[in-house]
């Protein structure tokens, strides 16, 4: 699933591909915004992304869809 994180006063967003479910990511964001000092997300390759909560502009959680592989007829 794709997660987009907007940072205050920065023109580009951070894009993270994660294996977590949308509910799990929403819970992590909620905990971080309600008293946590930082948002910690692990991407699908095992990298850790840490964003201080005081600079978060928005977090967009993409829909959970299985990826399509190969060539498909329209």
C-alpha atoms as a PDB file:
ATOM      1  CA  UNK A   1       0.000   0.000   0.000  1.00  0.00           C
ATOM      2  CA  UNK A   2       1.192   3.497  -0.784  1.00  0.00           C
ATOM      3  CA  UNK A   3       1.419   6.075   2.014  1.00  0.00           C
ATOM      4  CA  UNK A   4       2.019   9.747   1.205  1.00  0.00           C
ATOM      5  CA  UNK A   5       3.259  12.046   3.948  1.00  0.00           C
ATOM      6  CA  UNK A   6       3.110  15.809   3.512  1.00  0.00           C
ATOM      7  CA  UNK A   7       5.615  17.880   5.469  1.00  0.00           C
ATOM      8  CA  UNK A   8       4.916  21.503   6.450  1.00  0.00           C
ATOM      9  CA  UNK A   9       6.830  24.079   4.364  1.00  0.00           C
ATOM     10  CA  UNK A  10       8.235  21.399   2.036  1.00  0.00           C
ATOM     11  CA  UNK A  11       7.076  21.147  -1.573  1.00  0.00           C
ATOM     12  CA  UNK A  12       7.614  17.414  -1.978  1.00  0.00           C
ATOM     13  CA  UNK A  13       5.889  14.632  -0.128  1.00  0.00           C
ATOM     14  CA  UNK A  14       7.404  11.446   1.264  1.00  0.00           C
ATOM     15  CA  UNK A  15       6.040   8.296  -0.413  1.00  0.00           C
ATOM     16  CA  UNK A  16       6.355   4.989   1.413  1.00  0.00           C
ATOM     17  CA  UNK A  17       5.324   1.553   0.125  1.00  0.00           C
ATOM     18  CA  UNK A  18       4.263  -0.529   3.124  1.00  0.00           C
ATOM     19  CA  UNK A  19       3.028  -4.056   3.749  1.00  0.00           C
ATOM     20  CA  UNK A  20       0.935  -2.853   6.728  1.00  0.00           C
ATOM     21  CA  UNK A  21      -2.861  -2.684   6.445  1.00  0.00           C
ATOM     22  CA  UNK A  22      -4.657   0.656   6.186  1.00  0.00           C
ATOM     23  CA  UNK A  23      -6.064   0.209   9.700  1.00  0.00           C
ATOM     24  CA  UNK A  24      -2.608  -0.461  11.165  1.00  0.00           C
ATOM     25  CA  UNK A  25      -1.139   2.629   9.496  1.00  0.00           C
ATOM     26  CA  UNK A  26      -4.090   4.782  10.614  1.00  0.00           C
ATOM     27  CA  UNK A  27      -3.577   3.560  14.199  1.00  0.00           C
ATOM     28  CA  UNK A  28       0.160   4.400  14.074  1.00  0.00           C
ATOM     29  CA  UNK A  29      -0.602   7.893  12.753  1.00  0.00           C
ATOM     30  CA  UNK A  30      -3.272   8.433  15.403  1.00  0.00           C
ATOM     31  CA  UNK A  31      -0.937   7.364  18.233  1.00  0.00           C
ATOM     32  CA  UNK A  32       1.815   9.628  16.899  1.00  0.00           C
ATOM     33  CA  UNK A  33      -0.510  12.624  16.633  1.00  0.00           C
ATOM     34  CA  UNK A  34      -1.964  12.070  20.126  1.00  0.00           C
ATOM     35  CA  UNK A  35       1.127  12.414  22.248  1.00  0.00           C
ATOM     36  CA  UNK A  36       3.905  10.808  20.261  1.00  0.00           C
ATOM     37  CA  UNK A  37       6.959  12.808  19.265  1.00  0.00           C
ATOM     38  CA  UNK A  38       7.409  11.026  15.941  1.00  0.00           C
ATOM     39  CA  UNK A  39       5.703   8.868  13.342  1.00  0.00           C
ATOM     40  CA  UNK A  40       7.628   5.654  12.593  1.00  0.00           C
ATOM     41  CA  UNK A  41       6.763   3.636   9.477  1.00  0.00           C
ATOM     42  CA  UNK A  42       8.548   0.620   8.054  1.00  0.00           C
ATOM     43  CA  UNK A  43       8.489   0.303   4.271  1.00  0.00           C
ATOM     44  CA  UNK A  44       8.109  -2.923   2.288  1.00  0.00           C
ATOM     45  CA  UNK A  45      11.929  -3.248   1.989  1.00  0.00           C
ATOM     46  CA  UNK A  46      12.459  -3.007   5.753  1.00  0.00           C
ATOM     47  CA  UNK A  47      13.657   0.619   5.828  1.00  0.00           C
ATOM     48  CA  UNK A  48      12.455   2.768   8.718  1.00  0.00           C
ATOM     49  CA  UNK A  49      11.021   6.238   8.030  1.00  0.00           C
ATOM     50  CA  UNK A  50      10.796   8.575  11.034  1.00  0.00           C
ATOM     51  CA  UNK A  51       8.948  11.903  10.785  1.00  0.00           C
ATOM     52  CA  UNK A  52       8.600  14.319  13.728  1.00  0.00           C
ATOM     53  CA  UNK A  53       4.889  14.900  14.401  1.00  0.00           C
ATOM     54  CA  UNK A  54       5.330  18.657  14.796  1.00  0.00           C
ATOM     55  CA  UNK A  55       6.085  18.991  11.040  1.00  0.00           C
ATOM     56  CA  UNK A  56       3.359  16.666   9.679  1.00  0.00           C
ATOM     57  CA  UNK A  57       1.049  18.335   7.198  1.00  0.00           C
ATOM     58  CA  UNK A  58      -1.017  15.292   6.188  1.00  0.00           C
ATOM     59  CA  UNK A  59      -0.856  11.511   5.806  1.00  0.00           C
ATOM     60  CA  UNK A  60      -2.661   9.941   2.847  1.00  0.00           C
ATOM     61  CA  UNK A  61      -3.215   6.193   3.093  1.00  0.00           C
ATOM     62  CA  UNK A  62      -3.791   4.500  -0.256  1.00  0.00           C
ATOM     63  CA  UNK A  63      -6.391   1.834  -0.915  1.00  0.00           C
ATOM     64  CA  UNK A  64      -5.388  -1.758  -0.414  1.00  0.00           C
ATOM     65  CA  UNK A  65      -5.282  -3.385  -3.834  1.00  0.00           C
ATOM     66  CA  UNK A  66      -3.347  -6.416  -4.976  1.00  0.00           C
ATOM     67  CA  UNK A  67      -0.826  -5.466  -7.637  1.00  0.00           C
ATOM     68  CA  UNK A  68      -1.529  -6.628 -11.146  1.00  0.00           C
ATOM     69  CA  UNK A  69       1.316  -8.499 -12.786  1.00  0.00           C
ATOM     70  CA  UNK A  70       1.776  -9.213 -16.462  1.00  0.00           C
ATOM     71  CA  UNK A  71      -0.055  -8.050 -19.535  1.00  0.00           C
ATOM     72  CA  UNK A  72      -3.817  -7.800 -19.450  1.00  0.00           C
ATOM     73  CA  UNK A  73      -6.341  -7.339 -22.205  1.00  0.00           C
ATOM     74  CA  UNK A  74      -8.599  -4.319 -21.893  1.00  0.00           C
END
